């Protein structure tokens, strides 16, 4: 049995209107099977202790934007592991 929760965020949304997914250890652990069930692209971003988007180093495979993970409508991934300095996970599309 799995615990699955659903969060709603603005469409198209922005980092300033982002919805919190997890904080602290839970945020650093990551999330399994994130999915975008809505009509707009979303991102899952790790924020550092200051509220800034954590970035993966330049050249990290799969990182094509300043966002940590982009999910287009109808897509899901198996696991999202945020950068190590993540304190909060949020969903929304970055400003």
PDB file of N, CA and C in Angstrom:
ATOM      1  N   UNK A   1       0.848  -1.184   0.000  1.00  0.00           N
ATOM      2  CA  UNK A   1       0.000   0.000   0.000  1.00  0.00           C
ATOM      3  C   UNK A   1       0.884   1.234   0.000  1.00  0.00           C
ATOM      4  N   UNK A   2       0.528   2.220  -0.802  1.00  0.00           N
ATOM      5  CA  UNK A   2       1.335   3.439  -0.845  1.00  0.00           C
ATOM      6  C   UNK A   2       0.501   4.644  -0.425  1.00  0.00           C
ATOM      7  N   UNK A   3       1.177   5.572   0.171  1.00  0.00           N
ATOM      8  CA  UNK A   3       0.547   6.836   0.544  1.00  0.00           C
ATOM      9  C   UNK A   3       0.748   7.800  -0.604  1.00  0.00           C
ATOM     10  N   UNK A   4      -0.294   8.253  -1.222  1.00  0.00           N
ATOM     11  CA  UNK A   4      -0.190   9.185  -2.334  1.00  0.00           C
ATOM     12  C   UNK A   4      -0.976  10.425  -1.953  1.00  0.00           C
ATOM     13  N   UNK A   5      -0.326  11.576  -2.088  1.00  0.00           N
ATOM     14  CA  UNK A   5      -1.037  12.820  -1.815  1.00  0.00           C
ATOM     15  C   UNK A   5      -1.025  13.659  -3.071  1.00  0.00           C
ATOM     16  N   UNK A   6      -1.935  14.598  -3.125  1.00  0.00           N
ATOM     17  CA  UNK A   6      -2.063  15.461  -4.289  1.00  0.00           C
ATOM     18  C   UNK A   6      -2.004  16.903  -3.833  1.00  0.00           C
ATOM     19  N   UNK A   7      -1.285  17.729  -4.578  1.00  0.00           N
ATOM     20  CA  UNK A   7      -1.186  19.161  -4.307  1.00  0.00           C
ATOM     21  C   UNK A   7      -1.682  19.912  -5.532  1.00  0.00           C
ATOM     22  N   UNK A   8      -2.258  21.066  -5.313  1.00  0.00           N
ATOM     23  CA  UNK A   8      -2.733  21.915  -6.392  1.00  0.00           C
ATOM     24  C   UNK A   8      -1.915  23.191  -6.392  1.00  0.00           C
ATOM     25  N   UNK A   9      -1.523  23.639  -7.574  1.00  0.00           N
ATOM     26  CA  UNK A   9      -0.776  24.880  -7.708  1.00  0.00           C
ATOM     27  C   UNK A   9      -1.395  25.709  -8.819  1.00  0.00           C
ATOM     28  N   UNK A  10      -1.090  26.984  -8.854  1.00  0.00           N
ATOM     29  CA  UNK A  10      -1.634  27.881  -9.876  1.00  0.00           C
ATOM     30  C   UNK A  10      -1.187  27.441 -11.261  1.00  0.00           C
ATOM     31  N   UNK A  11      -2.028  27.693 -12.245  1.00  0.00           N
ATOM     32  CA  UNK A  11      -1.716  27.386 -13.637  1.00  0.00           C
ATOM     33  C   UNK A  11      -1.791  28.695 -14.407  1.00  0.00           C
ATOM     34  N   UNK A  12      -0.701  29.236 -14.944  1.00  0.00           N
ATOM     35  CA  UNK A  12       0.577  28.562 -15.084  1.00  0.00           C
ATOM     36  C   UNK A  12       1.435  28.573 -13.830  1.00  0.00           C
ATOM     37  N   UNK A  13       1.181  29.386 -12.860  1.00  0.00           N
ATOM     38  CA  UNK A  13       1.946  29.357 -11.616  1.00  0.00           C
ATOM     39  C   UNK A  13       3.289  30.064 -11.711  1.00  0.00           C
ATOM     40  N   UNK A  14       3.927  30.223 -10.566  1.00  0.00           N
ATOM     41  CA  UNK A  14       5.242  30.855 -10.504  1.00  0.00           C
ATOM     42  C   UNK A  14       5.893  30.435  -9.198  1.00  0.00           C
ATOM     43  N   UNK A  15       7.160  30.708  -9.070  1.00  0.00           N
ATOM     44  CA  UNK A  15       7.843  30.358  -7.831  1.00  0.00           C
ATOM     45  C   UNK A  15       7.255  31.148  -6.657  1.00  0.00           C
ATOM     46  N   UNK A  16       6.800  32.380  -6.927  1.00  0.00           N
ATOM     47  CA  UNK A  16       6.243  33.195  -5.849  1.00  0.00           C
ATOM     48  C   UNK A  16       4.885  32.683  -5.369  1.00  0.00           C
ATOM     49  N   UNK A  17       4.208  31.856  -6.173  1.00  0.00           N
ATOM     50  CA  UNK A  17       2.926  31.271  -5.762  1.00  0.00           C
ATOM     51  C   UNK A  17       3.040  29.756  -5.613  1.00  0.00           C
ATOM     52  N   UNK A  18       4.243  29.266  -5.407  1.00  0.00           N
ATOM     53  CA  UNK A  18       4.493  27.826  -5.346  1.00  0.00           C
ATOM     54  C   UNK A  18       3.792  27.181  -4.158  1.00  0.00           C
ATOM     55  N   UNK A  19       3.520  25.909  -4.295  1.00  0.00           N
ATOM     56  CA  UNK A  19       2.891  25.099  -3.261  1.00  0.00           C
ATOM     57  C   UNK A  19       3.957  24.222  -2.611  1.00  0.00           C
ATOM     58  N   UNK A  20       4.034  24.224  -1.293  1.00  0.00           N
ATOM     59  CA  UNK A  20       5.017  23.415  -0.576  1.00  0.00           C
ATOM     60  C   UNK A  20       4.626  21.939  -0.634  1.00  0.00           C
ATOM     61  N   UNK A  21       5.622  21.105  -0.946  1.00  0.00           N
ATOM     62  CA  UNK A  21       5.430  19.657  -0.991  1.00  0.00           C
ATOM     63  C   UNK A  21       5.996  19.017   0.268  1.00  0.00           C
ATOM     64  N   UNK A  22       7.210  19.410   0.656  1.00  0.00           N
ATOM     65  CA  UNK A  22       7.869  18.804   1.814  1.00  0.00           C
ATOM     66  C   UNK A  22       8.896  19.774   2.381  1.00  0.00           C
ATOM     67  N   UNK A  23       9.224  19.599   3.677  1.00  0.00           N
ATOM     68  CA  UNK A  23      10.172  20.474   4.368  1.00  0.00           C
ATOM     69  C   UNK A  23      11.159  19.610   5.151  1.00  0.00           C
ATOM     70  N   UNK A  24      12.408  20.094   5.270  1.00  0.00           N
ATOM     71  CA  UNK A  24      13.418  19.435   6.098  1.00  0.00           C
ATOM     72  C   UNK A  24      13.868  18.104   5.533  1.00  0.00           C
ATOM     73  N   UNK A  25      13.996  17.106   6.419  1.00  0.00           N
ATOM     74  CA  UNK A  25      14.474  15.788   5.999  1.00  0.00           C
ATOM     75  C   UNK A  25      13.617  15.187   4.893  1.00  0.00           C
ATOM     76  N   UNK A  26      12.324  15.361   4.970  1.00  0.00           N
ATOM     77  CA  UNK A  26      11.428  14.834   3.938  1.00  0.00           C
ATOM     78  C   UNK A  26      11.723  15.465   2.582  1.00  0.00           C
ATOM     79  N   UNK A  27      12.062  16.747   2.567  1.00  0.00           N
ATOM     80  CA  UNK A  27      12.402  17.431   1.314  1.00  0.00           C
ATOM     81  C   UNK A  27      13.720  16.910   0.761  1.00  0.00           C
ATOM     82  N   UNK A  28      14.702  16.692   1.620  1.00  0.00           N
ATOM     83  CA  UNK A  28      16.010  16.205   1.166  1.00  0.00           C
ATOM     84  C   UNK A  28      15.949  14.762   0.677  1.00  0.00           C
ATOM     85  N   UNK A  29      15.032  13.986   1.213  1.00  0.00           N
ATOM     86  CA  UNK A  29      14.865  12.585   0.814  1.00  0.00           C
ATOM     87  C   UNK A  29      14.388  12.478  -0.626  1.00  0.00           C
ATOM     88  N   UNK A  30      13.508  13.388  -1.050  1.00  0.00           N
ATOM     89  CA  UNK A  30      12.940  13.350  -2.397  1.00  0.00           C
ATOM     90  C   UNK A  30      11.542  12.768  -2.383  1.00  0.00           C
ATOM     91  N   UNK A  31      10.982  12.594  -3.578  1.00  0.00           N
ATOM     92  CA  UNK A  31       9.615  12.081  -3.681  1.00  0.00           C
ATOM     93  C   UNK A  31       9.529  11.025  -4.779  1.00  0.00           C
ATOM     94  N   UNK A  32       8.693  10.044  -4.529  1.00  0.00           N
ATOM     95  CA  UNK A  32       8.485   8.979  -5.493  1.00  0.00           C
ATOM     96  C   UNK A  32       7.271   9.217  -6.356  1.00  0.00           C
ATOM     97  N   UNK A  33       7.412   8.897  -7.612  1.00  0.00           N
ATOM     98  CA  UNK A  33       6.328   8.951  -8.594  1.00  0.00           C
ATOM     99  C   UNK A  33       5.615  10.296  -8.699  1.00  0.00           C
ATOM    100  N   UNK A  34       6.362  11.413  -8.738  1.00  0.00           N
ATOM    101  CA  UNK A  34       5.652  12.685  -8.954  1.00  0.00           C
ATOM    102  C   UNK A  34       5.012  12.681 -10.342  1.00  0.00           C
ATOM    103  N   UNK A  35       3.817  13.216 -10.422  1.00  0.00           N
ATOM    104  CA  UNK A  35       3.062  13.241 -11.676  1.00  0.00           C
ATOM    105  C   UNK A  35       2.408  14.604 -11.850  1.00  0.00           C
ATOM    106  N   UNK A  36       2.241  15.014 -13.083  1.00  0.00           N
ATOM    107  CA  UNK A  36       1.529  16.243 -13.401  1.00  0.00           C
ATOM    108  C   UNK A  36       0.168  15.854 -13.960  1.00  0.00           C
ATOM    109  N   UNK A  37      -0.884  16.079 -13.169  1.00  0.00           N
ATOM    110  CA  UNK A  37      -2.241  15.740 -13.568  1.00  0.00           C
ATOM    111  C   UNK A  37      -2.989  16.927 -14.159  1.00  0.00           C
ATOM    112  N   UNK A  38      -2.335  18.093 -14.209  1.00  0.00           N
ATOM    113  CA  UNK A  38      -3.000  19.305 -14.671  1.00  0.00           C
ATOM    114  C   UNK A  38      -2.719  19.641 -16.116  1.00  0.00           C
ATOM    115  N   UNK A  39      -3.233  20.806 -16.572  1.00  0.00           N
ATOM    116  CA  UNK A  39      -3.109  21.207 -17.966  1.00  0.00           C
ATOM    117  C   UNK A  39      -1.850  22.021 -18.296  1.00  0.00           C
ATOM    118  N   UNK A  40      -1.091  22.439 -17.293  1.00  0.00           N
ATOM    119  CA  UNK A  40       0.084  23.289 -17.513  1.00  0.00           C
ATOM    120  C   UNK A  40       1.361  22.569 -17.093  1.00  0.00           C
ATOM    121  N   UNK A  41       2.493  22.890 -17.726  1.00  0.00           N
ATOM    122  CA  UNK A  41       3.763  22.356 -17.231  1.00  0.00           C
ATOM    123  C   UNK A  41       3.998  22.854 -15.805  1.00  0.00           C
ATOM    124  N   UNK A  42       4.622  22.012 -14.988  1.00  0.00           N
ATOM    125  CA  UNK A  42       4.983  22.409 -13.627  1.00  0.00           C
ATOM    126  C   UNK A  42       6.437  22.043 -13.382  1.00  0.00           C
ATOM    127  N   UNK A  43       6.964  22.558 -12.307  1.00  0.00           N
ATOM    128  CA  UNK A  43       8.294  22.161 -11.882  1.00  0.00           C
ATOM    129  C   UNK A  43       8.239  21.726 -10.434  1.00  0.00           C
ATOM    130  N   UNK A  44       9.196  20.916 -10.071  1.00  0.00           N
ATOM    131  CA  UNK A  44       9.440  20.622  -8.667  1.00  0.00           C
ATOM    132  C   UNK A  44      10.816  21.184  -8.385  1.00  0.00           C
ATOM    133  N   UNK A  45      10.864  22.091  -7.440  1.00  0.00           N
ATOM    134  CA  UNK A  45      12.102  22.794  -7.127  1.00  0.00           C
ATOM    135  C   UNK A  45      12.509  22.577  -5.689  1.00  0.00           C
ATOM    136  N   UNK A  46      13.785  22.411  -5.476  1.00  0.00           N
ATOM    137  CA  UNK A  46      14.334  22.420  -4.138  1.00  0.00           C
ATOM    138  C   UNK A  46      14.732  23.843  -3.797  1.00  0.00           C
ATOM    139  N   UNK A  47      14.330  24.316  -2.641  1.00  0.00           N
ATOM    140  CA  UNK A  47      14.721  25.647  -2.181  1.00  0.00           C
ATOM    141  C   UNK A  47      15.712  25.489  -1.038  1.00  0.00           C
ATOM    142  N   UNK A  48      16.712  26.368  -1.006  1.00  0.00           N
ATOM    143  CA  UNK A  48      17.676  26.319   0.098  1.00  0.00           C
ATOM    144  C   UNK A  48      17.106  27.033   1.318  1.00  0.00           C
ATOM    145  N   UNK A  49      17.886  27.134   2.362  1.00  0.00           N
ATOM    146  CA  UNK A  49      17.442  27.730   3.623  1.00  0.00           C
ATOM    147  C   UNK A  49      17.014  29.187   3.445  1.00  0.00           C
ATOM    148  N   UNK A  50      17.496  29.856   2.393  1.00  0.00           N
ATOM    149  CA  UNK A  50      17.155  31.258   2.126  1.00  0.00           C
ATOM    150  C   UNK A  50      15.979  31.406   1.170  1.00  0.00           C
ATOM    151  N   UNK A  51      15.425  30.298   0.687  1.00  0.00           N
ATOM    152  CA  UNK A  51      14.296  30.357  -0.243  1.00  0.00           C
ATOM    153  C   UNK A  51      14.702  30.479  -1.690  1.00  0.00           C
ATOM    154  N   UNK A  52      15.989  30.318  -1.981  1.00  0.00           N
ATOM    155  CA  UNK A  52      16.473  30.366  -3.366  1.00  0.00           C
ATOM    156  C   UNK A  52      16.398  28.979  -3.988  1.00  0.00           C
ATOM    157  N   UNK A  53      16.125  28.935  -5.295  1.00  0.00           N
ATOM    158  CA  UNK A  53      16.086  27.660  -5.997  1.00  0.00           C
ATOM    159  C   UNK A  53      17.480  27.045  -5.979  1.00  0.00           C
ATOM    160  N   UNK A  54      17.559  25.807  -5.521  1.00  0.00           N
ATOM    161  CA  UNK A  54      18.823  25.069  -5.540  1.00  0.00           C
ATOM    162  C   UNK A  54      19.070  24.609  -6.963  1.00  0.00           C
ATOM    163  N   UNK A  55      20.273  24.730  -7.409  1.00  0.00           N
ATOM    164  CA  UNK A  55      20.586  24.301  -8.763  1.00  0.00           C
ATOM    165  C   UNK A  55      21.549  23.154  -8.771  1.00  0.00           C
ATOM    166  N   UNK A  56      21.403  22.311  -9.773  1.00  0.00           N
ATOM    167  CA  UNK A  56      22.392  21.281 -10.006  1.00  0.00           C
ATOM    168  C   UNK A  56      23.554  21.926 -10.749  1.00  0.00           C
ATOM    169  N   UNK A  57      24.753  21.413 -10.595  1.00  0.00           N
ATOM    170  CA  UNK A  57      25.894  21.994 -11.310  1.00  0.00           C
ATOM    171  C   UNK A  57      25.674  21.995 -12.817  1.00  0.00           C
ATOM    172  N   UNK A  58      26.227  23.007 -13.497  1.00  0.00           N
ATOM    173  CA  UNK A  58      26.146  23.091 -14.956  1.00  0.00           C
ATOM    174  C   UNK A  58      26.635  21.772 -15.545  1.00  0.00           C
ATOM    175  N   UNK A  59      25.915  21.282 -16.526  1.00  0.00           N
ATOM    176  CA  UNK A  59      26.317  20.042 -17.180  1.00  0.00           C
ATOM    177  C   UNK A  59      25.722  18.793 -16.558  1.00  0.00           C
ATOM    178  N   UNK A  60      24.891  18.938 -15.525  1.00  0.00           N
ATOM    179  CA  UNK A  60      24.248  17.767 -14.940  1.00  0.00           C
ATOM    180  C   UNK A  60      23.279  17.179 -15.962  1.00  0.00           C
ATOM    181  N   UNK A  61      23.393  15.890 -16.267  1.00  0.00           N
ATOM    182  CA  UNK A  61      22.495  15.278 -17.258  1.00  0.00           C
ATOM    183  C   UNK A  61      21.029  15.496 -16.911  1.00  0.00           C
ATOM    184  N   UNK A  62      20.241  15.882 -17.890  1.00  0.00           N
ATOM    185  CA  UNK A  62      18.812  16.059 -17.701  1.00  0.00           C
ATOM    186  C   UNK A  62      18.408  17.424 -17.190  1.00  0.00           C
ATOM    187  N   UNK A  63      19.349  18.258 -16.748  1.00  0.00           N
ATOM    188  CA  UNK A  63      18.995  19.578 -16.233  1.00  0.00           C
ATOM    189  C   UNK A  63      19.062  20.585 -17.372  1.00  0.00           C
ATOM    190  N   UNK A  64      17.895  20.919 -17.928  1.00  0.00           N
ATOM    191  CA  UNK A  64      17.860  21.801 -19.086  1.00  0.00           C
ATOM    192  C   UNK A  64      17.319  23.185 -18.757  1.00  0.00           C
ATOM    193  N   UNK A  65      16.906  23.416 -17.515  1.00  0.00           N
ATOM    194  CA  UNK A  65      16.406  24.722 -17.109  1.00  0.00           C
ATOM    195  C   UNK A  65      16.947  25.014 -15.716  1.00  0.00           C
ATOM    196  N   UNK A  66      16.580  26.172 -15.184  1.00  0.00           N
ATOM    197  CA  UNK A  66      16.973  26.472 -13.807  1.00  0.00           C
ATOM    198  C   UNK A  66      16.106  25.717 -12.815  1.00  0.00           C
ATOM    199  N   UNK A  67      15.065  25.072 -13.302  1.00  0.00           N
ATOM    200  CA  UNK A  67      14.196  24.264 -12.450  1.00  0.00           C
ATOM    201  C   UNK A  67      14.861  22.924 -12.197  1.00  0.00           C
ATOM    202  N   UNK A  68      14.533  22.309 -11.075  1.00  0.00           N
ATOM    203  CA  UNK A  68      15.099  21.010 -10.770  1.00  0.00           C
ATOM    204  C   UNK A  68      14.442  19.890 -11.564  1.00  0.00           C
ATOM    205  N   UNK A  69      13.151  19.955 -11.763  1.00  0.00           N
ATOM    206  CA  UNK A  69      12.438  18.940 -12.532  1.00  0.00           C
ATOM    207  C   UNK A  69      11.247  19.596 -13.211  1.00  0.00           C
ATOM    208  N   UNK A  70      11.110  19.387 -14.507  1.00  0.00           N
ATOM    209  CA  UNK A  70       9.959  19.883 -15.252  1.00  0.00           C
ATOM    210  C   UNK A  70       9.078  18.690 -15.584  1.00  0.00           C
ATOM    211  N   UNK A  71       7.791  18.814 -15.277  1.00  0.00           N
ATOM    212  CA  UNK A  71       6.816  17.789 -15.638  1.00  0.00           C
ATOM    213  C   UNK A  71       5.767  18.415 -16.546  1.00  0.00           C
ATOM    214  N   UNK A  72       5.651  17.889 -17.739  1.00  0.00           N
ATOM    215  CA  UNK A  72       4.628  18.358 -18.661  1.00  0.00           C
ATOM    216  C   UNK A  72       3.319  17.637 -18.355  1.00  0.00           C
ATOM    217  N   UNK A  73       2.185  18.189 -18.783  1.00  0.00           N
ATOM    218  CA  UNK A  73       0.898  17.553 -18.481  1.00  0.00           C
ATOM    219  C   UNK A  73       0.892  16.071 -18.860  1.00  0.00           C
ATOM    220  N   UNK A  74       0.414  15.262 -17.923  1.00  0.00           N
ATOM    221  CA  UNK A  74       0.298  13.831 -18.171  1.00  0.00           C
ATOM    222  C   UNK A  74       1.569  13.024 -17.950  1.00  0.00           C
ATOM    223  N   UNK A  75       2.658  13.676 -17.511  1.00  0.00           N
ATOM    224  CA  UNK A  75       3.906  12.934 -17.322  1.00  0.00           C
ATOM    225  C   UNK A  75       4.159  12.620 -15.861  1.00  0.00           C
ATOM    226  N   UNK A  76       4.953  11.595 -15.642  1.00  0.00           N
ATOM    227  CA  UNK A  76       5.381  11.191 -14.312  1.00  0.00           C
ATOM    228  C   UNK A  76       6.809  10.669 -14.418  1.00  0.00           C
ATOM    229  N   UNK A  77       7.519  10.688 -13.330  1.00  0.00           N
ATOM    230  CA  UNK A  77       8.850  10.077 -13.263  1.00  0.00           C
ATOM    231  C   UNK A  77       8.862   9.154 -12.054  1.00  0.00           C
ATOM    232  N   UNK A  78       9.798   8.228 -12.038  1.00  0.00           N
ATOM    233  CA  UNK A  78       9.832   7.245 -10.959  1.00  0.00           C
ATOM    234  C   UNK A  78      10.262   7.855  -9.630  1.00  0.00           C
ATOM    235  N   UNK A  79      11.280   8.723  -9.649  1.00  0.00           N
ATOM    236  CA  UNK A  79      11.799   9.291  -8.409  1.00  0.00           C
ATOM    237  C   UNK A  79      12.398  10.657  -8.680  1.00  0.00           C
ATOM    238  N   UNK A  80      12.247  11.577  -7.750  1.00  0.00           N
ATOM    239  CA  UNK A  80      12.920  12.871  -7.826  1.00  0.00           C
ATOM    240  C   UNK A  80      13.795  13.028  -6.587  1.00  0.00           C
ATOM    241  N   UNK A  81      15.096  13.139  -6.802  1.00  0.00           N
ATOM    242  CA  UNK A  81      16.053  13.385  -5.724  1.00  0.00           C
ATOM    243  C   UNK A  81      16.571  14.810  -5.881  1.00  0.00           C
ATOM    244  N   UNK A  82      16.272  15.698  -4.943  1.00  0.00           N
ATOM    245  CA  UNK A  82      16.664  17.103  -5.064  1.00  0.00           C
ATOM    246  C   UNK A  82      18.150  17.313  -4.752  1.00  0.00           C
ATOM    247  N   UNK A  83      18.662  18.515  -5.040  1.00  0.00           N
ATOM    248  CA  UNK A  83      20.040  18.837  -4.661  1.00  0.00           C
ATOM    249  C   UNK A  83      20.231  18.696  -3.147  1.00  0.00           C
ATOM    250  N   UNK A  84      21.450  18.441  -2.719  1.00  0.00           N
ATOM    251  CA  UNK A  84      21.740  18.146  -1.316  1.00  0.00           C
ATOM    252  C   UNK A  84      21.452  19.303  -0.363  1.00  0.00           C
ATOM    253  N   UNK A  85      21.461  20.547  -0.856  1.00  0.00           N
ATOM    254  CA  UNK A  85      21.223  21.688   0.037  1.00  0.00           C
ATOM    255  C   UNK A  85      19.744  22.084   0.093  1.00  0.00           C
ATOM    256  N   UNK A  86      18.860  21.212  -0.331  1.00  0.00           N
ATOM    257  CA  UNK A  86      17.425  21.479  -0.319  1.00  0.00           C
ATOM    258  C   UNK A  86      16.880  21.470   1.114  1.00  0.00           C
ATOM    259  N   UNK A  87      16.096  22.473   1.439  1.00  0.00           N
ATOM    260  CA  UNK A  87      15.394  22.552   2.725  1.00  0.00           C
ATOM    261  C   UNK A  87      13.893  22.451   2.549  1.00  0.00           C
ATOM    262  N   UNK A  88      13.391  22.840   1.371  1.00  0.00           N
ATOM    263  CA  UNK A  88      11.957  22.811   1.085  1.00  0.00           C
ATOM    264  C   UNK A  88      11.762  22.389  -0.362  1.00  0.00           C
ATOM    265  N   UNK A  89      10.776  21.521  -0.610  1.00  0.00           N
ATOM    266  CA  UNK A  89      10.387  21.179  -1.976  1.00  0.00           C
ATOM    267  C   UNK A  89       9.087  21.893  -2.279  1.00  0.00           C
ATOM    268  N   UNK A  90       9.043  22.513  -3.442  1.00  0.00           N
ATOM    269  CA  UNK A  90       7.838  23.228  -3.874  1.00  0.00           C
ATOM    270  C   UNK A  90       7.496  22.836  -5.293  1.00  0.00           C
ATOM    271  N   UNK A  91       6.246  23.045  -5.659  1.00  0.00           N
ATOM    272  CA  UNK A  91       5.819  22.867  -7.034  1.00  0.00           C
ATOM    273  C   UNK A  91       5.236  24.178  -7.534  1.00  0.00           C
ATOM    274  N   UNK A  92       5.487  24.461  -8.772  1.00  0.00           N
ATOM    275  CA  UNK A  92       5.064  25.687  -9.423  1.00  0.00           C
ATOM    276  C   UNK A  92       5.981  25.915 -10.592  1.00  0.00           C
ATOM    277  N   UNK A  93       5.693  26.848 -11.448  1.00  0.00           N
ATOM    278  CA  UNK A  93       6.604  27.118 -12.553  1.00  0.00           C
ATOM    279  C   UNK A  93       7.442  28.329 -12.199  1.00  0.00           C
ATOM    280  N   UNK A  94       8.756  28.237 -12.292  1.00  0.00           N
ATOM    281  CA  UNK A  94       9.608  29.344 -11.817  1.00  0.00           C
ATOM    282  C   UNK A  94       9.384  30.635 -12.576  1.00  0.00           C
ATOM    283  N   UNK A  95       9.515  31.761 -11.847  1.00  0.00           N
ATOM    284  CA  UNK A  95       9.399  33.090 -12.468  1.00  0.00           C
ATOM    285  C   UNK A  95      10.505  33.285 -13.473  1.00  0.00           C
TER     286      UNK A  95
END
